[in-house]
């Protein structure tokens, strides 16, 4: 594909009498878009991975004060509310905060959890319930997702730019063909 594109770009106007100037310009712009993607994609992925890594570091710093505590479920999963996850139920639980005070709130449990069951939850120094800290797998997932979204976004922008170039080139071609036909058409037919 790149070889054909290079051959098309390197042709002189004399090689193909049907090729118009707008065709060569369109080919050059498309080639620049392809080269731009090949150059920008790795750089954009690197930036996205670094941004996701920096966000994970900030999250890790925020999570550094969190502590695991044991919570006791106050109700079974059957009595809880099914939340966004199909395989989880939100039930009332009690736990002792790091400052010694008792706290209570809703925690997500598996559907077979029973009242009185103990589970580990993560809390802030004030005892506020939090999600479990990020793992290295979570950070890697963020980085991969960031890189993929950056690539998809770049590709979408370049495809739209290529489409705009194609539309503008086609308009120019159609205007040229209309001018040529208005000059040639009357000579083909005596009917007016």
C-alpha atoms as a PDB file:
ATOM      1  CA  UNK A   1       0.000   0.000   0.000  1.00  0.00           C
ATOM      2  CA  UNK A   2       2.764   2.445   0.913  1.00  0.00           C
ATOM      3  CA  UNK A   3       4.657   1.461  -2.244  1.00  0.00           C
ATOM      4  CA  UNK A   4       1.628   2.221  -4.399  1.00  0.00           C
ATOM      5  CA  UNK A   5       1.118   5.497  -2.567  1.00  0.00           C
ATOM      6  CA  UNK A   6       4.754   6.442  -3.135  1.00  0.00           C
ATOM      7  CA  UNK A   7       4.508   5.570  -6.829  1.00  0.00           C
ATOM      8  CA  UNK A   8       1.369   7.659  -7.113  1.00  0.00           C
ATOM      9  CA  UNK A   9       3.010  10.602  -5.385  1.00  0.00           C
ATOM     10  CA  UNK A  10       6.237  10.370  -7.365  1.00  0.00           C
ATOM     11  CA  UNK A  11       4.510  10.364 -10.767  1.00  0.00           C
ATOM     12  CA  UNK A  12       4.916  13.480 -12.780  1.00  0.00           C
ATOM     13  CA  UNK A  13       1.842  15.091 -14.326  1.00  0.00           C
ATOM     14  CA  UNK A  14       3.027  13.845 -17.722  1.00  0.00           C
ATOM     15  CA  UNK A  15       2.816  10.182 -16.604  1.00  0.00           C
ATOM     16  CA  UNK A  16      -0.974  10.274 -16.321  1.00  0.00           C
ATOM     17  CA  UNK A  17      -2.780  12.849 -18.425  1.00  0.00           C
ATOM     18  CA  UNK A  18      -6.047  12.186 -16.566  1.00  0.00           C
ATOM     19  CA  UNK A  19      -4.600  12.972 -13.157  1.00  0.00           C
ATOM     20  CA  UNK A  20      -5.467  16.482 -12.100  1.00  0.00           C
ATOM     21  CA  UNK A  21      -3.598  18.739  -9.755  1.00  0.00           C
ATOM     22  CA  UNK A  22      -6.273  18.188  -7.083  1.00  0.00           C
ATOM     23  CA  UNK A  23      -5.608  14.411  -7.260  1.00  0.00           C
ATOM     24  CA  UNK A  24      -1.917  14.914  -6.470  1.00  0.00           C
ATOM     25  CA  UNK A  25      -2.738  17.306  -3.635  1.00  0.00           C
ATOM     26  CA  UNK A  26      -5.256  14.873  -2.171  1.00  0.00           C
ATOM     27  CA  UNK A  27      -2.732  12.025  -2.382  1.00  0.00           C
ATOM     28  CA  UNK A  28      -0.074  14.138  -0.686  1.00  0.00           C
ATOM     29  CA  UNK A  29      -2.437  15.116   2.137  1.00  0.00           C
ATOM     30  CA  UNK A  30      -3.530  11.492   2.690  1.00  0.00           C
ATOM     31  CA  UNK A  31       0.141  10.437   2.758  1.00  0.00           C
ATOM     32  CA  UNK A  32       0.833  13.151   5.341  1.00  0.00           C
ATOM     33  CA  UNK A  33      -2.092  11.933   7.449  1.00  0.00           C
ATOM     34  CA  UNK A  34      -0.772   8.347   7.359  1.00  0.00           C
ATOM     35  CA  UNK A  35       2.750   9.479   8.252  1.00  0.00           C
ATOM     36  CA  UNK A  36       1.296  11.741  10.940  1.00  0.00           C
ATOM     37  CA  UNK A  37      -0.516   8.776  12.472  1.00  0.00           C
ATOM     38  CA  UNK A  38       2.600   6.607  12.363  1.00  0.00           C
ATOM     39  CA  UNK A  39       4.650   9.325  14.056  1.00  0.00           C
ATOM     40  CA  UNK A  40       2.057  10.606  16.525  1.00  0.00           C
ATOM     41  CA  UNK A  41       0.583   7.262  17.635  1.00  0.00           C
ATOM     42  CA  UNK A  42       3.591   6.038  19.659  1.00  0.00           C
ATOM     43  CA  UNK A  43       4.132   9.473  21.179  1.00  0.00           C
ATOM     44  CA  UNK A  44       0.477   9.824  22.088  1.00  0.00           C
ATOM     45  CA  UNK A  45       0.452   6.333  23.633  1.00  0.00           C
ATOM     46  CA  UNK A  46       3.488   7.219  25.706  1.00  0.00           C
ATOM     47  CA  UNK A  47       1.839  10.411  26.940  1.00  0.00           C
ATOM     48  CA  UNK A  48      -1.392   8.547  27.763  1.00  0.00           C
ATOM     49  CA  UNK A  49       0.482   5.842  29.688  1.00  0.00           C
ATOM     50  CA  UNK A  50       2.421   8.454  31.645  1.00  0.00           C
ATOM     51  CA  UNK A  51      -0.753  10.382  32.467  1.00  0.00           C
ATOM     52  CA  UNK A  52      -2.484   7.207  33.657  1.00  0.00           C
ATOM     53  CA  UNK A  53       0.596   6.318  35.709  1.00  0.00           C
ATOM     54  CA  UNK A  54       0.651   9.789  37.270  1.00  0.00           C
ATOM     55  CA  UNK A  55      -3.050   9.493  38.107  1.00  0.00           C
ATOM     56  CA  UNK A  56      -2.362   6.115  39.713  1.00  0.00           C
ATOM     57  CA  UNK A  57       0.467   7.626  41.791  1.00  0.00           C
ATOM     58  CA  UNK A  58      -1.862  10.396  42.987  1.00  0.00           C
ATOM     59  CA  UNK A  59      -4.520   7.799  43.798  1.00  0.00           C
ATOM     60  CA  UNK A  60      -1.931   5.721  45.650  1.00  0.00           C
ATOM     61  CA  UNK A  61      -0.906   8.726  47.723  1.00  0.00           C
ATOM     62  CA  UNK A  62      -4.539   9.355  48.624  1.00  0.00           C
ATOM     63  CA  UNK A  63      -4.948   5.673  49.530  1.00  0.00           C
ATOM     64  CA  UNK A  64      -1.827   5.584  51.716  1.00  0.00           C
ATOM     65  CA  UNK A  65      -3.825   6.545  54.817  1.00  0.00           C
ATOM     66  CA  UNK A  66      -6.487   3.908  54.294  1.00  0.00           C
ATOM     67  CA  UNK A  67      -6.579   0.906  56.610  1.00  0.00           C
ATOM     68  CA  UNK A  68      -8.258  -2.491  56.347  1.00  0.00           C
ATOM     69  CA  UNK A  69     -10.781  -3.191  59.103  1.00  0.00           C
ATOM     70  CA  UNK A  70     -13.168  -6.036  59.763  1.00  0.00           C
ATOM     71  CA  UNK A  71     -16.847  -5.301  59.160  1.00  0.00           C
ATOM     72  CA  UNK A  72     -19.748  -7.390  60.421  1.00  0.00           C
ATOM     73  CA  UNK A  73     -22.730  -7.721  58.093  1.00  0.00           C
ATOM     74  CA  UNK A  74     -25.993  -6.641  59.713  1.00  0.00           C
ATOM     75  CA  UNK A  75     -28.188  -8.349  57.099  1.00  0.00           C
ATOM     76  CA  UNK A  76     -27.926 -11.128  54.551  1.00  0.00           C
ATOM     77  CA  UNK A  77     -27.438 -10.513  50.842  1.00  0.00           C
ATOM     78  CA  UNK A  78     -31.038 -11.545  50.164  1.00  0.00           C
ATOM     79  CA  UNK A  79     -32.268  -8.593  52.235  1.00  0.00           C
ATOM     80  CA  UNK A  80     -29.952  -6.149  50.495  1.00  0.00           C
ATOM     81  CA  UNK A  81     -30.372  -4.050  47.400  1.00  0.00           C
ATOM     82  CA  UNK A  82     -29.038  -5.305  44.094  1.00  0.00           C
ATOM     83  CA  UNK A  83     -26.773  -2.605  42.778  1.00  0.00           C
ATOM     84  CA  UNK A  84     -25.020  -1.928  39.482  1.00  0.00           C
ATOM     85  CA  UNK A  85     -23.253  -5.293  39.607  1.00  0.00           C
ATOM     86  CA  UNK A  86     -25.445  -8.275  38.867  1.00  0.00           C
ATOM     87  CA  UNK A  87     -23.421 -10.492  41.188  1.00  0.00           C
ATOM     88  CA  UNK A  88     -23.414  -8.168  44.222  1.00  0.00           C
ATOM     89  CA  UNK A  89     -25.865  -6.979  46.825  1.00  0.00           C
ATOM     90  CA  UNK A  90     -25.559  -3.886  49.022  1.00  0.00           C
ATOM     91  CA  UNK A  91     -26.166  -4.640  52.691  1.00  0.00           C
ATOM     92  CA  UNK A  92     -25.783  -2.803  55.983  1.00  0.00           C
ATOM     93  CA  UNK A  93     -22.577  -3.469  57.931  1.00  0.00           C
ATOM     94  CA  UNK A  94     -20.783  -2.208  61.061  1.00  0.00           C
ATOM     95  CA  UNK A  95     -17.057  -1.687  61.597  1.00  0.00           C
ATOM     96  CA  UNK A  96     -14.755  -0.036  64.086  1.00  0.00           C
ATOM     97  CA  UNK A  97     -12.911   2.998  62.688  1.00  0.00           C
ATOM     98  CA  UNK A  98      -9.172   3.450  63.361  1.00  0.00           C
ATOM     99  CA  UNK A  99     -10.086   6.065  65.988  1.00  0.00           C
ATOM    100  CA  UNK A 100     -12.125   3.419  67.876  1.00  0.00           C
ATOM    101  CA  UNK A 101     -15.625   4.711  67.044  1.00  0.00           C
ATOM    102  CA  UNK A 102     -18.228   2.411  65.510  1.00  0.00           C
ATOM    103  CA  UNK A 103     -19.388   3.247  62.013  1.00  0.00           C
ATOM    104  CA  UNK A 104     -22.026   1.723  59.778  1.00  0.00           C
ATOM    105  CA  UNK A 105     -22.920   1.870  56.086  1.00  0.00           C
ATOM    106  CA  UNK A 106     -23.665  -0.132  52.974  1.00  0.00           C
ATOM    107  CA  UNK A 107     -21.090  -2.564  51.585  1.00  0.00           C
ATOM    108  CA  UNK A 108     -21.154  -4.690  48.438  1.00  0.00           C
ATOM    109  CA  UNK A 109     -21.203  -8.423  49.146  1.00  0.00           C
ATOM    110  CA  UNK A 110     -21.620 -11.606  47.159  1.00  0.00           C
ATOM    111  CA  UNK A 111     -25.143 -12.922  46.769  1.00  0.00           C
ATOM    112  CA  UNK A 112     -24.553 -15.785  49.238  1.00  0.00           C
ATOM    113  CA  UNK A 113     -23.420 -13.556  52.156  1.00  0.00           C
ATOM    114  CA  UNK A 114     -25.184 -14.096  55.508  1.00  0.00           C
ATOM    115  CA  UNK A 115     -25.928 -11.741  58.397  1.00  0.00           C
ATOM    116  CA  UNK A 116     -23.170 -11.840  61.025  1.00  0.00           C
ATOM    117  CA  UNK A 117     -20.511 -12.733  58.444  1.00  0.00           C
ATOM    118  CA  UNK A 118     -17.222 -10.864  58.717  1.00  0.00           C
ATOM    119  CA  UNK A 119     -15.457  -9.230  55.804  1.00  0.00           C
ATOM    120  CA  UNK A 120     -12.540  -6.859  55.285  1.00  0.00           C
ATOM    121  CA  UNK A 121     -13.295  -3.314  54.187  1.00  0.00           C
ATOM    122  CA  UNK A 122     -11.004  -0.330  53.625  1.00  0.00           C
ATOM    123  CA  UNK A 123     -11.586   2.897  55.547  1.00  0.00           C
ATOM    124  CA  UNK A 124     -10.031   6.344  55.896  1.00  0.00           C
ATOM    125  CA  UNK A 125      -8.511   7.407  59.236  1.00  0.00           C
ATOM    126  CA  UNK A 126     -11.936   8.920  60.062  1.00  0.00           C
ATOM    127  CA  UNK A 127     -13.626   5.573  59.368  1.00  0.00           C
ATOM    128  CA  UNK A 128     -15.258   6.480  56.059  1.00  0.00           C
ATOM    129  CA  UNK A 129     -15.771   3.452  53.828  1.00  0.00           C
ATOM    130  CA  UNK A 130     -13.645   3.376  50.639  1.00  0.00           C
ATOM    131  CA  UNK A 131     -13.032   1.002  47.752  1.00  0.00           C
ATOM    132  CA  UNK A 132     -10.050  -1.384  47.972  1.00  0.00           C
ATOM    133  CA  UNK A 133      -6.713   0.234  47.050  1.00  0.00           C
ATOM    134  CA  UNK A 134      -5.496   0.031  43.477  1.00  0.00           C
ATOM    135  CA  UNK A 135      -3.462  -2.993  42.533  1.00  0.00           C
ATOM    136  CA  UNK A 136      -0.719  -3.080  39.918  1.00  0.00           C
ATOM    137  CA  UNK A 137      -3.212  -4.837  37.612  1.00  0.00           C
ATOM    138  CA  UNK A 138      -5.638  -1.917  38.028  1.00  0.00           C
ATOM    139  CA  UNK A 139      -2.889   0.566  37.136  1.00  0.00           C
ATOM    140  CA  UNK A 140      -1.906  -1.507  34.109  1.00  0.00           C
ATOM    141  CA  UNK A 141      -5.567  -1.578  33.054  1.00  0.00           C
ATOM    142  CA  UNK A 142      -5.710   2.236  33.304  1.00  0.00           C
ATOM    143  CA  UNK A 143      -2.541   2.565  31.223  1.00  0.00           C
ATOM    144  CA  UNK A 144      -3.754   0.190  28.508  1.00  0.00           C
ATOM    145  CA  UNK A 145      -7.163   1.864  28.388  1.00  0.00           C
ATOM    146  CA  UNK A 146      -5.537   5.294  28.146  1.00  0.00           C
ATOM    147  CA  UNK A 147      -3.266   4.195  25.312  1.00  0.00           C
ATOM    148  CA  UNK A 148      -6.128   2.557  23.416  1.00  0.00           C
ATOM    149  CA  UNK A 149      -8.391   5.584  23.810  1.00  0.00           C
ATOM    150  CA  UNK A 150      -5.581   7.863  22.641  1.00  0.00           C
ATOM    151  CA  UNK A 151      -5.047   5.722  19.524  1.00  0.00           C
ATOM    152  CA  UNK A 152      -8.758   5.552  18.773  1.00  0.00           C
ATOM    153  CA  UNK A 153      -9.103   9.312  19.245  1.00  0.00           C
ATOM    154  CA  UNK A 154      -6.125  10.056  16.990  1.00  0.00           C
ATOM    155  CA  UNK A 155      -7.401   7.673  14.323  1.00  0.00           C
ATOM    156  CA  UNK A 156     -10.876   9.237  14.489  1.00  0.00           C
ATOM    157  CA  UNK A 157      -9.481  12.756  14.105  1.00  0.00           C
ATOM    158  CA  UNK A 158      -7.333  11.732  11.142  1.00  0.00           C
ATOM    159  CA  UNK A 159     -10.178   9.817   9.479  1.00  0.00           C
ATOM    160  CA  UNK A 160     -12.412  12.878   9.800  1.00  0.00           C
ATOM    161  CA  UNK A 161      -9.618  15.065   8.396  1.00  0.00           C
ATOM    162  CA  UNK A 162      -9.179  12.631   5.497  1.00  0.00           C
ATOM    163  CA  UNK A 163     -12.913  12.657   4.880  1.00  0.00           C
ATOM    164  CA  UNK A 164     -12.962  16.460   4.800  1.00  0.00           C
ATOM    165  CA  UNK A 165     -10.067  16.457   2.323  1.00  0.00           C
ATOM    166  CA  UNK A 166     -11.912  13.907   0.182  1.00  0.00           C
ATOM    167  CA  UNK A 167     -15.133  15.956   0.171  1.00  0.00           C
ATOM    168  CA  UNK A 168     -13.283  19.159  -0.724  1.00  0.00           C
ATOM    169  CA  UNK A 169     -11.309  17.404  -3.456  1.00  0.00           C
ATOM    170  CA  UNK A 170     -14.497  15.883  -4.885  1.00  0.00           C
ATOM    171  CA  UNK A 171     -16.172  19.301  -4.928  1.00  0.00           C
ATOM    172  CA  UNK A 172     -13.204  20.687  -6.801  1.00  0.00           C
ATOM    173  CA  UNK A 173     -13.284  17.770  -9.260  1.00  0.00           C
ATOM    174  CA  UNK A 174     -17.019  18.173  -9.845  1.00  0.00           C
ATOM    175  CA  UNK A 175     -16.608  21.908 -10.468  1.00  0.00           C
ATOM    176  CA  UNK A 176     -13.827  21.163 -12.961  1.00  0.00           C
ATOM    177  CA  UNK A 177     -15.915  18.534 -14.704  1.00  0.00           C
ATOM    178  CA  UNK A 178     -18.886  20.928 -14.854  1.00  0.00           C
ATOM    179  CA  UNK A 179     -16.694  23.621 -16.419  1.00  0.00           C
ATOM    180  CA  UNK A 180     -15.281  21.150 -18.915  1.00  0.00           C
ATOM    181  CA  UNK A 181     -18.737  19.858 -19.812  1.00  0.00           C
ATOM    182  CA  UNK A 182     -20.163  23.344 -20.227  1.00  0.00           C
ATOM    183  CA  UNK A 183     -17.382  23.999 -22.737  1.00  0.00           C
ATOM    184  CA  UNK A 184     -17.618  20.603 -24.498  1.00  0.00           C
ATOM    185  CA  UNK A 185     -21.299  19.693 -24.162  1.00  0.00           C
ATOM    186  CA  UNK A 186     -22.722  22.203 -26.676  1.00  0.00           C
ATOM    187  CA  UNK A 187     -20.404  20.864 -29.390  1.00  0.00           C
ATOM    188  CA  UNK A 188     -21.745  17.330 -28.942  1.00  0.00           C
ATOM    189  CA  UNK A 189     -25.338  18.083 -29.622  1.00  0.00           C
ATOM    190  CA  UNK A 190     -27.253  20.576 -31.660  1.00  0.00           C
ATOM    191  CA  UNK A 191     -30.209  20.270 -29.269  1.00  0.00           C
ATOM    192  CA  UNK A 192     -30.466  23.087 -26.766  1.00  0.00           C
END
